[in-house]
C-alpha atoms as a PDB file:
ATOM      1  CA  HIS A   1       0.000   0.000   0.000  1.00  0.00           C
ATOM      2  CA  SER A   2       1.332   3.398  -0.891  1.00  0.00           C
ATOM      3  CA  VAL A   3       0.001   6.893  -0.888  1.00  0.00           C
ATOM      4  CA  ASN A   4       2.906   8.503  -2.661  1.00  0.00           C
ATOM      5  CA  GLY A   5       2.541   6.623  -5.951  1.00  0.00           C
ATOM      6  CA  PHE A   6       6.130   5.352  -6.004  1.00  0.00           C
ATOM      7  CA  GLY A   7       5.562   1.941  -4.407  1.00  0.00           C
ATOM      8  CA  GLU A   8       7.196   3.202  -1.224  1.00  0.00           C
ATOM      9  CA  THR A   9       5.721   3.148   2.247  1.00  0.00           C
ATOM     10  CA  THR A  10       6.202   5.847   4.865  1.00  0.00           C
ATOM     11  CA  SER A  11       7.075   5.021   8.443  1.00  0.00           C
ATOM     12  CA  GLN A  12       3.726   6.454   9.502  1.00  0.00           C
ATOM     13  CA  GLU A  13       1.958   4.040   7.138  1.00  0.00           C
ATOM     14  CA  LEU A  14       3.877   1.168   8.743  1.00  0.00           C
ATOM     15  CA  VAL A  15       2.854   2.381  12.217  1.00  0.00           C
ATOM     16  CA  GLN A  16      -0.788   2.354  11.146  1.00  0.00           C
ATOM     17  CA  LYS A  17      -0.429  -1.088   9.545  1.00  0.00           C
ATOM     18  CA  LEU A  18       1.193  -2.537  12.702  1.00  0.00           C
ATOM     19  CA  LEU A  19      -1.605  -1.099  14.830  1.00  0.00           C
ATOM     20  CA  HIS A  20      -4.358  -2.347  12.510  1.00  0.00           C
ATOM     21  CA  ASP A  21      -2.927  -5.772  11.586  1.00  0.00           C
ATOM     22  CA  ARG A  22      -1.017  -6.713  14.749  1.00  0.00           C
ATOM     23  CA  ASP A  23      -2.576  -4.504  17.422  1.00  0.00           C
ATOM     24  CA  LEU A  24       0.937  -3.198  18.063  1.00  0.00           C
ATOM     25  CA  ASN A  25       1.193   0.463  19.027  1.00  0.00           C
ATOM     26  CA  VAL A  26       4.677   1.858  18.245  1.00  0.00           C
ATOM     27  CA  SER A  27       5.998   5.267  17.268  1.00  0.00           C
ATOM     28  CA  ARG A  28       7.263   6.104  13.814  1.00  0.00           C
ATOM     29  CA  TRP A  29      10.675   6.657  15.415  1.00  0.00           C
ATOM     30  CA  THR A  30      10.725   3.030  16.568  1.00  0.00           C
ATOM     31  CA  VAL A  31       9.830   1.910  13.052  1.00  0.00           C
ATOM     32  CA  GLN A  32      12.511   4.132  11.497  1.00  0.00           C
ATOM     33  CA  ARG A  33      15.161   2.944  13.970  1.00  0.00           C
ATOM     34  CA  GLN A  34      14.367  -0.724  13.268  1.00  0.00           C
ATOM     35  CA  LEU A  35      14.352  -0.179   9.495  1.00  0.00           C
ATOM     36  CA  LYS A  36      17.742   1.535   9.750  1.00  0.00           C
ATOM     37  CA  ARG A  37      19.108  -1.461  11.698  1.00  0.00           C
ATOM     38  CA  MET A  38      17.817  -3.693   8.907  1.00  0.00           C
ATOM     39  CA  GLY A  39      19.714  -1.664   6.298  1.00  0.00           C
ATOM     40  CA  TYR A  40      16.869   0.391   4.853  1.00  0.00           C
ATOM     41  CA  LYS A  41      17.532   4.012   4.034  1.00  0.00           C
ATOM     42  CA  SER A  42      15.166   6.865   4.673  1.00  0.00           C
ATOM     43  CA  THR A  43      14.679   8.777   1.452  1.00  0.00           C
ATOM     44  CA  LEU A  44      12.149  11.081  -0.067  1.00  0.00           C
ATOM     45  CA  PRO A  45      11.545  10.766  -3.783  1.00  0.00           C
ATOM     46  CA  TYR A  46      11.688  13.981  -5.751  1.00  0.00           C
ATOM     47  CA  GLY A  47      11.166  14.745  -9.384  1.00  0.00           C
ATOM     48  CA  THR A  48      13.952  16.011 -11.585  1.00  0.00           C
ATOM     49  CA  PRO A  49      13.523  17.784 -14.881  1.00  0.00           C
ATOM     50  CA  MET A  50      14.432  15.848 -18.001  1.00  0.00           C
ATOM     51  CA  LEU A  51      17.621  16.967 -19.729  1.00  0.00           C
ATOM     52  CA  THR A  52      17.189  18.579 -23.104  1.00  0.00           C
ATOM     53  CA  GLN A  53      19.459  17.662 -26.015  1.00  0.00           C
ATOM     54  CA  LYS A  54      21.297  20.967 -25.421  1.00  0.00           C
ATOM     55  CA  HIS A  55      21.917  20.008 -21.772  1.00  0.00           C
ATOM     56  CA  LYS A  56      23.183  16.561 -22.772  1.00  0.00           C
ATOM     57  CA  GLU A  57      25.609  18.044 -25.312  1.00  0.00           C
ATOM     58  CA  ALA A  58      26.841  20.583 -22.745  1.00  0.00           C
ATOM     59  CA  ARG A  59      27.493  17.769 -20.246  1.00  0.00           C
ATOM     60  CA  VAL A  60      29.506  15.833 -22.810  1.00  0.00           C
ATOM     61  CA  GLN A  61      31.543  18.944 -23.697  1.00  0.00           C
ATOM     62  CA  TRP A  62      32.206  19.661 -20.015  1.00  0.00           C
ATOM     63  CA  ALA A  63      33.300  16.049 -19.453  1.00  0.00           C
ATOM     64  CA  ILE A  64      35.681  16.219 -22.421  1.00  0.00           C
ATOM     65  CA  GLN A  65      37.164  19.519 -21.203  1.00  0.00           C
ATOM     66  CA  HIS A  66      37.644  18.237 -17.641  1.00  0.00           C
ATOM     67  CA  LYS A  67      38.633  14.610 -18.283  1.00  0.00           C
ATOM     68  CA  ASP A  68      42.169  15.126 -16.947  1.00  0.00           C
ATOM     69  CA  ASP A  69      41.240  17.255 -13.919  1.00  0.00           C
ATOM     70  CA  ARG A  70      41.239  14.385 -11.417  1.00  0.00           C
ATOM     71  CA  LEU A  71      44.582  13.032 -12.628  1.00  0.00           C
ATOM     72  CA  SER A  72      46.067  16.518 -12.490  1.00  0.00           C
ATOM     73  CA  PHE A  73      44.701  17.002  -8.960  1.00  0.00           C
ATOM     74  CA  ILE A  74      46.205  13.697  -7.812  1.00  0.00           C
ATOM     75  CA  GLN A  75      49.567  14.469  -9.422  1.00  0.00           C
ATOM     76  CA  ASN A  76      49.690  17.961  -7.902  1.00  0.00           C
ATOM     77  CA  ASN A  77      48.765  16.664  -4.462  1.00  0.00           C
ATOM     78  CA  TYR A  78      51.356  13.881  -4.721  1.00  0.00           C
ATOM     79  CA  GLU A  79      54.024  16.388  -5.766  1.00  0.00           C
ATOM     80  CA  TRP A  80      53.015  18.754  -2.954  1.00  0.00           C
ATOM     81  CA  SER A  81      53.056  15.920  -0.402  1.00  0.00           C
ATOM     82  CA  PHE A  82      56.477  14.782  -1.599  1.00  0.00           C
ATOM     83  CA  LEU A  83      57.795  18.362  -1.442  1.00  0.00           C
ATOM     84  CA  TYR A  84      56.324  18.841   2.038  1.00  0.00           C
ATOM     85  CA  VAL A  85      57.976  15.657   3.303  1.00  0.00           C
ATOM     86  CA  GLN A  86      61.320  16.706   1.815  1.00  0.00           C
ATOM     87  CA  ILE A  87      61.113  20.161   3.421  1.00  0.00           C
ATOM     88  CA  LEU A  88      60.130  18.646   6.760  1.00  0.00           C
ATOM     89  CA  GLN A  89      63.007  16.140   6.637  1.00  0.00           C
ATOM     90  CA  ASP A  90      65.508  18.881   5.720  1.00  0.00           C
ATOM     91  CA  HIS A  91      64.203  21.015   8.581  1.00  0.00           C
ATOM     92  CA  LEU A  92      64.509  18.163  11.083  1.00  0.00           C
ATOM     93  CA  ILE A  93      68.023  17.271   9.901  1.00  0.00           C
ATOM     94  CA  HIS A  94      69.085  20.926  10.071  1.00  0.00           C
ATOM     95  CA  ASN A  95      67.726  21.284  13.617  1.00  0.00           C
ATOM     96  CA  ALA A  96      69.356  18.021  14.691  1.00  0.00           C
ATOM     97  CA  ARG A  97      72.717  19.220  13.343  1.00  0.00           C
ATOM     98  CA  LYS A  98      72.310  22.566  15.123  1.00  0.00           C
ATOM     99  CA  GLN A  99      71.470  20.760  18.372  1.00  0.00           C
ATOM    100  CA  THR A 100      74.474  18.430  17.977  1.00  0.00           C
ATOM    101  CA  SER A 101      76.799  21.378  17.307  1.00  0.00           C
ATOM    102  CA  LEU A 102      75.458  23.243  20.314  1.00  0.00           C
ATOM    103  CA  THR A 103      75.839  20.162  22.551  1.00  0.00           C
ATOM    104  CA  MET A 104      79.419  19.633  21.347  1.00  0.00           C
ATOM    105  CA  ALA A 105      80.263  23.311  21.929  1.00  0.00           C
ATOM    106  CA  ILE A 106      78.901  23.159  25.475  1.00  0.00           C
ATOM    107  CA  ALA A 107      80.746  19.892  26.150  1.00  0.00           C
ATOM    108  CA  ALA A 108      84.006  21.413  24.855  1.00  0.00           C
ATOM    109  CA  ARG A 109      83.953  24.193  27.466  1.00  0.00           C
END
């Protein structure tokens, strides 16, 4: 049974069905919680406008223009990460050398 025309049932409809068929009085929150435990998702259907031929062509053109964006993003992030690690290592080595020099100078006094 469905009021929304999409073959879907609302939690409130299930509450009413449980009360009518099983004489079980539960809240819609109880129904929703149990459905979530069972793996069902709570969604509301909504209509979307159909794409015109012009929209479809524009989507294809955009996809062609941006086909390498993700690869470029990954490469840039990898290069940045590598550079960051190199800078951090150089900084740590430099500080360690400074600390060693300072310790040796103090020990030499």
